[in-house]
Amino acid sequence: METILSLDEEHDQYIWLQMGWQKYHRVHGVTLHLRLHEDKIWIEQDWTENGIATDLLKAGVANEDIVLGFRHPERRSLSKFAVA
């Protein structure tokens, strides 16, 4: 397995990919996709063990500056994070 980081600072997008083989099964997937949009951190995909939002909060990022982009817009208000 390879871990690939794609850091696109020009477009403020950051992607962590896993790719390779697990026995006879091809793996190619996004572990984490973050982007900076409208002065907020959008978490578009997060398959990390504890969730990147937890790490962002521990680092001092405010709840209202984090958007769970992987959640449907109507359901975002049910979380403690920004709606958009």
C-alpha atoms as a PDB file:
ATOM      1  CA  MET A   1       0.000   0.000   0.000  1.00  0.00           C
ATOM      2  CA  GLU A   2       1.111   3.517  -0.775  1.00  0.00           C
ATOM      3  CA  THR A   3       0.058   6.683   0.982  1.00  0.00           C
ATOM      4  CA  ILE A   4      -0.135   9.651  -1.346  1.00  0.00           C
ATOM      5  CA  LEU A   5      -0.626  13.234  -0.251  1.00  0.00           C
ATOM      6  CA  SER A   6      -1.894  15.710  -2.815  1.00  0.00           C
ATOM      7  CA  LEU A   7      -1.439  19.248  -1.521  1.00  0.00           C
ATOM      8  CA  ASP A   8      -2.950  21.790  -3.894  1.00  0.00           C
ATOM      9  CA  GLU A   9      -2.253  25.094  -2.190  1.00  0.00           C
ATOM     10  CA  GLU A  10      -3.302  27.073  -5.268  1.00  0.00           C
ATOM     11  CA  HIS A  11      -6.868  25.752  -4.931  1.00  0.00           C
ATOM     12  CA  ASP A  12      -6.740  25.108  -1.152  1.00  0.00           C
ATOM     13  CA  GLN A  13      -7.457  21.371  -1.482  1.00  0.00           C
ATOM     14  CA  TYR A  14      -5.667  18.638   0.451  1.00  0.00           C
ATOM     15  CA  ILE A  15      -6.158  14.933  -0.247  1.00  0.00           C
ATOM     16  CA  TRP A  16      -4.724  11.838   1.407  1.00  0.00           C
ATOM     17  CA  LEU A  17      -5.035   8.713  -0.774  1.00  0.00           C
ATOM     18  CA  GLN A  18      -4.323   5.072  -0.168  1.00  0.00           C
ATOM     19  CA  MET A  19      -3.585   2.905  -3.161  1.00  0.00           C
ATOM     20  CA  GLY A  20      -2.105  -0.462  -3.878  1.00  0.00           C
ATOM     21  CA  TRP A  21      -3.107  -4.069  -3.423  1.00  0.00           C
ATOM     22  CA  GLN A  22      -4.485  -6.061  -0.523  1.00  0.00           C
ATOM     23  CA  LYS A  23      -3.902  -9.610  -1.708  1.00  0.00           C
ATOM     24  CA  TYR A  24      -5.918  -9.726  -4.967  1.00  0.00           C
ATOM     25  CA  HIS A  25      -8.054  -6.659  -4.280  1.00  0.00           C
ATOM     26  CA  ARG A  26      -7.130  -3.265  -5.741  1.00  0.00           C
ATOM     27  CA  VAL A  27      -7.362  -0.404  -3.265  1.00  0.00           C
ATOM     28  CA  HIS A  28      -7.611   3.165  -4.481  1.00  0.00           C
ATOM     29  CA  GLY A  29      -9.465   5.466  -2.166  1.00  0.00           C
ATOM     30  CA  VAL A  30      -9.567   8.813  -0.461  1.00  0.00           C
ATOM     31  CA  THR A  31      -8.786   8.638   3.239  1.00  0.00           C
ATOM     32  CA  LEU A  32      -9.099  12.370   3.821  1.00  0.00           C
ATOM     33  CA  HIS A  33     -10.145  15.327   1.689  1.00  0.00           C
ATOM     34  CA  LEU A  34     -10.039  18.845   3.134  1.00  0.00           C
ATOM     35  CA  ARG A  35     -10.568  22.133   1.408  1.00  0.00           C
ATOM     36  CA  LEU A  36     -10.593  25.740   2.475  1.00  0.00           C
ATOM     37  CA  HIS A  37     -13.728  27.447   1.210  1.00  0.00           C
ATOM     38  CA  GLU A  38     -15.372  30.715   2.265  1.00  0.00           C
ATOM     39  CA  ASP A  39     -13.046  31.055   5.295  1.00  0.00           C
ATOM     40  CA  LYS A  40     -13.981  27.624   6.651  1.00  0.00           C
ATOM     41  CA  ILE A  41     -12.374  24.188   6.684  1.00  0.00           C
ATOM     42  CA  TRP A  42     -14.588  21.817   4.739  1.00  0.00           C
ATOM     43  CA  ILE A  43     -14.149  18.134   5.548  1.00  0.00           C
ATOM     44  CA  GLU A  44     -15.301  16.482   2.322  1.00  0.00           C
ATOM     45  CA  GLN A  45     -14.215  12.926   3.196  1.00  0.00           C
ATOM     46  CA  ASP A  46     -12.826  11.519   6.421  1.00  0.00           C
ATOM     47  CA  TRP A  47     -11.965   7.881   7.007  1.00  0.00           C
ATOM     48  CA  THR A  48      -9.371   8.564   9.709  1.00  0.00           C
ATOM     49  CA  GLU A  49      -9.637   6.612  12.933  1.00  0.00           C
ATOM     50  CA  ASN A  50     -10.713   9.442  15.257  1.00  0.00           C
ATOM     51  CA  GLY A  51     -11.893  11.986  12.699  1.00  0.00           C
ATOM     52  CA  ILE A  52      -9.881  15.002  11.629  1.00  0.00           C
ATOM     53  CA  ALA A  53     -12.452  17.347  13.224  1.00  0.00           C
ATOM     54  CA  THR A  54     -11.308  16.109  16.637  1.00  0.00           C
ATOM     55  CA  ASP A  55      -7.717  17.023  15.814  1.00  0.00           C
ATOM     56  CA  LEU A  56      -8.755  20.411  14.449  1.00  0.00           C
ATOM     57  CA  LEU A  57     -10.674  21.196  17.643  1.00  0.00           C
ATOM     58  CA  LYS A  58      -7.692  20.146  19.788  1.00  0.00           C
ATOM     59  CA  ALA A  59      -5.504  22.461  17.664  1.00  0.00           C
ATOM     60  CA  GLY A  60      -7.782  25.390  18.525  1.00  0.00           C
ATOM     61  CA  VAL A  61      -9.976  25.616  15.423  1.00  0.00           C
ATOM     62  CA  ALA A  62     -13.453  26.797  16.423  1.00  0.00           C
ATOM     63  CA  ASN A  63     -16.509  24.607  15.748  1.00  0.00           C
ATOM     64  CA  GLU A  64     -18.045  27.322  13.597  1.00  0.00           C
ATOM     65  CA  ASP A  65     -15.000  27.223  11.288  1.00  0.00           C
ATOM     66  CA  ILE A  66     -15.447  23.525  10.422  1.00  0.00           C
ATOM     67  CA  VAL A  67     -18.032  22.241   7.936  1.00  0.00           C
ATOM     68  CA  LEU A  68     -18.798  18.543   7.631  1.00  0.00           C
ATOM     69  CA  GLY A  69     -19.140  18.622   3.862  1.00  0.00           C
ATOM     70  CA  PHE A  70     -19.767  14.872   3.689  1.00  0.00           C
ATOM     71  CA  ARG A  71     -23.086  15.369   5.510  1.00  0.00           C
ATOM     72  CA  HIS A  72     -26.222  16.380   3.643  1.00  0.00           C
ATOM     73  CA  PRO A  73     -26.792  20.152   4.037  1.00  0.00           C
ATOM     74  CA  GLU A  74     -30.118  19.600   5.833  1.00  0.00           C
ATOM     75  CA  ARG A  75     -28.443  17.362   8.426  1.00  0.00           C
ATOM     76  CA  ARG A  76     -25.462  19.600   9.188  1.00  0.00           C
ATOM     77  CA  SER A  77     -27.476  21.623  11.685  1.00  0.00           C
ATOM     78  CA  LEU A  78     -27.713  18.489  13.857  1.00  0.00           C
ATOM     79  CA  SER A  79     -23.965  18.642  14.540  1.00  0.00           C
ATOM     80  CA  LYS A  80     -21.971  21.084  16.649  1.00  0.00           C
ATOM     81  CA  PHE A  81     -20.185  22.344  13.536  1.00  0.00           C
ATOM     82  CA  ALA A  82     -20.895  25.054  10.956  1.00  0.00           C
ATOM     83  CA  VAL A  83     -23.757  24.541   8.527  1.00  0.00           C
ATOM     84  CA  ALA A  84     -21.794  26.108   5.637  1.00  0.00           C
END
